[in-house]
């Protein structure tokens, strides 16, 4: 799709859901990314643990979704991670975003994962 078509579609959906009015939108951007899937090698786990360990030192940082968690997950899991990040900020406690999508079943439970940090 053309960038304007993608933007118009997204705006229309947000208006239809009552999140915004069309007049609220001043500018929109479409970012297309290549190679958005994680790349695994034999040593990826150690490298990933090192990166996540450093990122976890920032108290106010929540990294979510495929590019944030550095793993393949579906859109539902990305949205759940975003909800948990927002809930963490609102509730002033850290929910375990890392656990989202790790269950063996492919069905969302609605369960919140609390993690002491």
C-alpha atoms as a PDB file:
ATOM      1  CA  UNK A   1       0.000   0.000   0.000  1.00  0.00           C
ATOM      2  CA  UNK A   2       1.040   3.578  -0.473  1.00  0.00           C
ATOM      3  CA  UNK A   3       2.100   5.401   2.700  1.00  0.00           C
ATOM      4  CA  UNK A   4      -0.895   7.741   2.513  1.00  0.00           C
ATOM      5  CA  UNK A   5      -3.263   4.753   2.224  1.00  0.00           C
ATOM      6  CA  UNK A   6      -1.695   3.081   5.260  1.00  0.00           C
ATOM      7  CA  UNK A   7      -1.913   6.295   7.296  1.00  0.00           C
ATOM      8  CA  UNK A   8      -5.518   6.929   6.273  1.00  0.00           C
ATOM      9  CA  UNK A   9      -6.496   3.374   7.163  1.00  0.00           C
ATOM     10  CA  UNK A  10      -4.874   3.601  10.601  1.00  0.00           C
ATOM     11  CA  UNK A  11      -6.444   6.990  11.282  1.00  0.00           C
ATOM     12  CA  UNK A  12      -9.871   5.740  10.206  1.00  0.00           C
ATOM     13  CA  UNK A  13      -9.613   2.783  12.590  1.00  0.00           C
ATOM     14  CA  UNK A  14      -8.550   5.014  15.491  1.00  0.00           C
ATOM     15  CA  UNK A  15     -11.444   7.384  14.767  1.00  0.00           C
ATOM     16  CA  UNK A  16     -13.910   4.472  14.507  1.00  0.00           C
ATOM     17  CA  UNK A  17     -12.740   3.140  17.887  1.00  0.00           C
ATOM     18  CA  UNK A  18     -13.186   6.569  19.447  1.00  0.00           C
ATOM     19  CA  UNK A  19      -9.532   7.141  20.334  1.00  0.00           C
ATOM     20  CA  UNK A  20      -9.113  10.289  18.247  1.00  0.00           C
ATOM     21  CA  UNK A  21     -10.932  12.590  15.860  1.00  0.00           C
ATOM     22  CA  UNK A  22      -9.521  13.030  12.385  1.00  0.00           C
ATOM     23  CA  UNK A  23      -8.714  16.679  13.192  1.00  0.00           C
ATOM     24  CA  UNK A  24      -6.343  15.509  15.965  1.00  0.00           C
ATOM     25  CA  UNK A  25      -3.893  14.177  13.358  1.00  0.00           C
ATOM     26  CA  UNK A  26      -1.390  16.748  12.150  1.00  0.00           C
ATOM     27  CA  UNK A  27       1.124  14.440  10.501  1.00  0.00           C
ATOM     28  CA  UNK A  28       1.615  10.717  10.129  1.00  0.00           C
ATOM     29  CA  UNK A  29       4.593   8.563   9.276  1.00  0.00           C
ATOM     30  CA  UNK A  30       4.968   5.064   7.930  1.00  0.00           C
ATOM     31  CA  UNK A  31       8.177   3.273   8.748  1.00  0.00           C
ATOM     32  CA  UNK A  32       8.960   0.197   6.704  1.00  0.00           C
ATOM     33  CA  UNK A  33      11.568  -2.115   8.114  1.00  0.00           C
ATOM     34  CA  UNK A  34      13.484  -4.953   6.542  1.00  0.00           C
ATOM     35  CA  UNK A  35      14.641  -7.966   8.498  1.00  0.00           C
ATOM     36  CA  UNK A  36      12.432  -7.322  11.532  1.00  0.00           C
ATOM     37  CA  UNK A  37      12.655 -10.919  12.651  1.00  0.00           C
ATOM     38  CA  UNK A  38      15.241 -11.806  15.295  1.00  0.00           C
ATOM     39  CA  UNK A  39      18.459 -13.395  14.074  1.00  0.00           C
ATOM     40  CA  UNK A  40      19.673 -16.364  16.069  1.00  0.00           C
ATOM     41  CA  UNK A  41      23.156 -17.842  16.171  1.00  0.00           C
ATOM     42  CA  UNK A  42      24.761 -20.396  18.469  1.00  0.00           C
ATOM     43  CA  UNK A  43      25.704 -17.712  21.008  1.00  0.00           C
ATOM     44  CA  UNK A  44      22.598 -15.536  20.860  1.00  0.00           C
ATOM     45  CA  UNK A  45      21.335 -16.429  24.366  1.00  0.00           C
ATOM     46  CA  UNK A  46      24.451 -15.118  26.138  1.00  0.00           C
ATOM     47  CA  UNK A  47      24.556 -11.977  24.006  1.00  0.00           C
ATOM     48  CA  UNK A  48      20.854 -11.367  24.577  1.00  0.00           C
ATOM     49  CA  UNK A  49      21.136 -11.889  28.343  1.00  0.00           C
ATOM     50  CA  UNK A  50      23.958  -9.334  28.418  1.00  0.00           C
ATOM     51  CA  UNK A  51      21.911  -6.734  26.509  1.00  0.00           C
ATOM     52  CA  UNK A  52      18.773  -7.328  28.593  1.00  0.00           C
ATOM     53  CA  UNK A  53      20.793  -7.167  31.807  1.00  0.00           C
ATOM     54  CA  UNK A  54      22.081  -3.742  30.850  1.00  0.00           C
ATOM     55  CA  UNK A  55      18.655  -2.512  29.704  1.00  0.00           C
ATOM     56  CA  UNK A  56      17.132  -3.689  33.001  1.00  0.00           C
ATOM     57  CA  UNK A  57      19.370  -1.257  34.886  1.00  0.00           C
ATOM     58  CA  UNK A  58      17.115   1.565  33.678  1.00  0.00           C
ATOM     59  CA  UNK A  59      14.219   1.754  36.133  1.00  0.00           C
ATOM     60  CA  UNK A  60      11.939   3.649  33.742  1.00  0.00           C
ATOM     61  CA  UNK A  61      12.587   1.655  30.550  1.00  0.00           C
ATOM     62  CA  UNK A  62      10.133  -0.903  29.215  1.00  0.00           C
ATOM     63  CA  UNK A  63      11.245  -2.626  26.030  1.00  0.00           C
ATOM     64  CA  UNK A  64       8.411  -4.472  24.335  1.00  0.00           C
ATOM     65  CA  UNK A  65       7.342  -6.222  21.141  1.00  0.00           C
ATOM     66  CA  UNK A  66       9.502  -8.091  18.659  1.00  0.00           C
ATOM     67  CA  UNK A  67      12.232  -5.482  18.340  1.00  0.00           C
ATOM     68  CA  UNK A  68      12.107  -4.648  22.050  1.00  0.00           C
ATOM     69  CA  UNK A  69      12.265  -8.184  23.437  1.00  0.00           C
ATOM     70  CA  UNK A  70      14.510  -9.428  20.608  1.00  0.00           C
ATOM     71  CA  UNK A  71      12.333 -12.430  19.863  1.00  0.00           C
ATOM     72  CA  UNK A  72       9.640 -13.541  17.500  1.00  0.00           C
ATOM     73  CA  UNK A  73       6.161 -13.174  18.965  1.00  0.00           C
ATOM     74  CA  UNK A  74       2.708 -12.511  17.599  1.00  0.00           C
ATOM     75  CA  UNK A  75       0.837  -9.207  17.596  1.00  0.00           C
ATOM     76  CA  UNK A  76      -1.324 -10.269  20.557  1.00  0.00           C
ATOM     77  CA  UNK A  77       1.777 -10.783  22.663  1.00  0.00           C
ATOM     78  CA  UNK A  78       3.200  -7.420  21.601  1.00  0.00           C
ATOM     79  CA  UNK A  79      -0.040  -5.722  22.605  1.00  0.00           C
ATOM     80  CA  UNK A  80      -0.088  -7.576  25.927  1.00  0.00           C
ATOM     81  CA  UNK A  81       3.476  -6.407  26.571  1.00  0.00           C
ATOM     82  CA  UNK A  82       2.415  -2.824  25.892  1.00  0.00           C
ATOM     83  CA  UNK A  83      -0.535  -3.140  28.248  1.00  0.00           C
ATOM     84  CA  UNK A  84       1.714  -4.572  30.962  1.00  0.00           C
ATOM     85  CA  UNK A  85       4.234  -1.759  30.467  1.00  0.00           C
ATOM     86  CA  UNK A  86       1.475   0.837  30.838  1.00  0.00           C
ATOM     87  CA  UNK A  87       0.036  -1.017  33.843  1.00  0.00           C
ATOM     88  CA  UNK A  88       3.515  -1.149  35.408  1.00  0.00           C
ATOM     89  CA  UNK A  89       3.770   2.626  35.166  1.00  0.00           C
ATOM     90  CA  UNK A  90       0.253   3.213  36.482  1.00  0.00           C
ATOM     91  CA  UNK A  91       0.448   0.651  39.324  1.00  0.00           C
ATOM     92  CA  UNK A  92       4.087   1.472  40.169  1.00  0.00           C
ATOM     93  CA  UNK A  93       5.050  -2.189  40.170  1.00  0.00           C
ATOM     94  CA  UNK A  94       6.850  -4.214  37.548  1.00  0.00           C
ATOM     95  CA  UNK A  95       4.878  -6.826  35.671  1.00  0.00           C
ATOM     96  CA  UNK A  96       6.895  -9.609  34.076  1.00  0.00           C
ATOM     97  CA  UNK A  97       6.853  -8.653  30.411  1.00  0.00           C
ATOM     98  CA  UNK A  98       9.477 -11.298  29.621  1.00  0.00           C
ATOM     99  CA  UNK A  99       6.999 -14.097  30.415  1.00  0.00           C
ATOM    100  CA  UNK A 100       4.417 -12.965  27.870  1.00  0.00           C
ATOM    101  CA  UNK A 101       4.127 -15.535  25.107  1.00  0.00           C
ATOM    102  CA  UNK A 102       6.259 -18.201  26.787  1.00  0.00           C
ATOM    103  CA  UNK A 103       3.354 -20.533  27.536  1.00  0.00           C
ATOM    104  CA  UNK A 104       3.205 -23.715  25.497  1.00  0.00           C
ATOM    105  CA  UNK A 105      -0.449 -23.189  24.564  1.00  0.00           C
ATOM    106  CA  UNK A 106      -1.346 -20.696  21.880  1.00  0.00           C
ATOM    107  CA  UNK A 107      -4.174 -19.060  23.781  1.00  0.00           C
ATOM    108  CA  UNK A 108      -4.138 -15.858  25.798  1.00  0.00           C
ATOM    109  CA  UNK A 109      -5.073 -16.366  29.429  1.00  0.00           C
ATOM    110  CA  UNK A 110      -5.477 -12.738  30.486  1.00  0.00           C
ATOM    111  CA  UNK A 111      -3.162 -13.507  33.420  1.00  0.00           C
ATOM    112  CA  UNK A 112      -0.868 -10.729  34.614  1.00  0.00           C
ATOM    113  CA  UNK A 113       2.666 -11.764  35.387  1.00  0.00           C
ATOM    114  CA  UNK A 114       4.030  -9.971  38.468  1.00  0.00           C
ATOM    115  CA  UNK A 115       7.783  -9.808  38.791  1.00  0.00           C
ATOM    116  CA  UNK A 116       9.731  -8.496  41.736  1.00  0.00           C
ATOM    117  CA  UNK A 117      12.474  -6.205  40.510  1.00  0.00           C
END
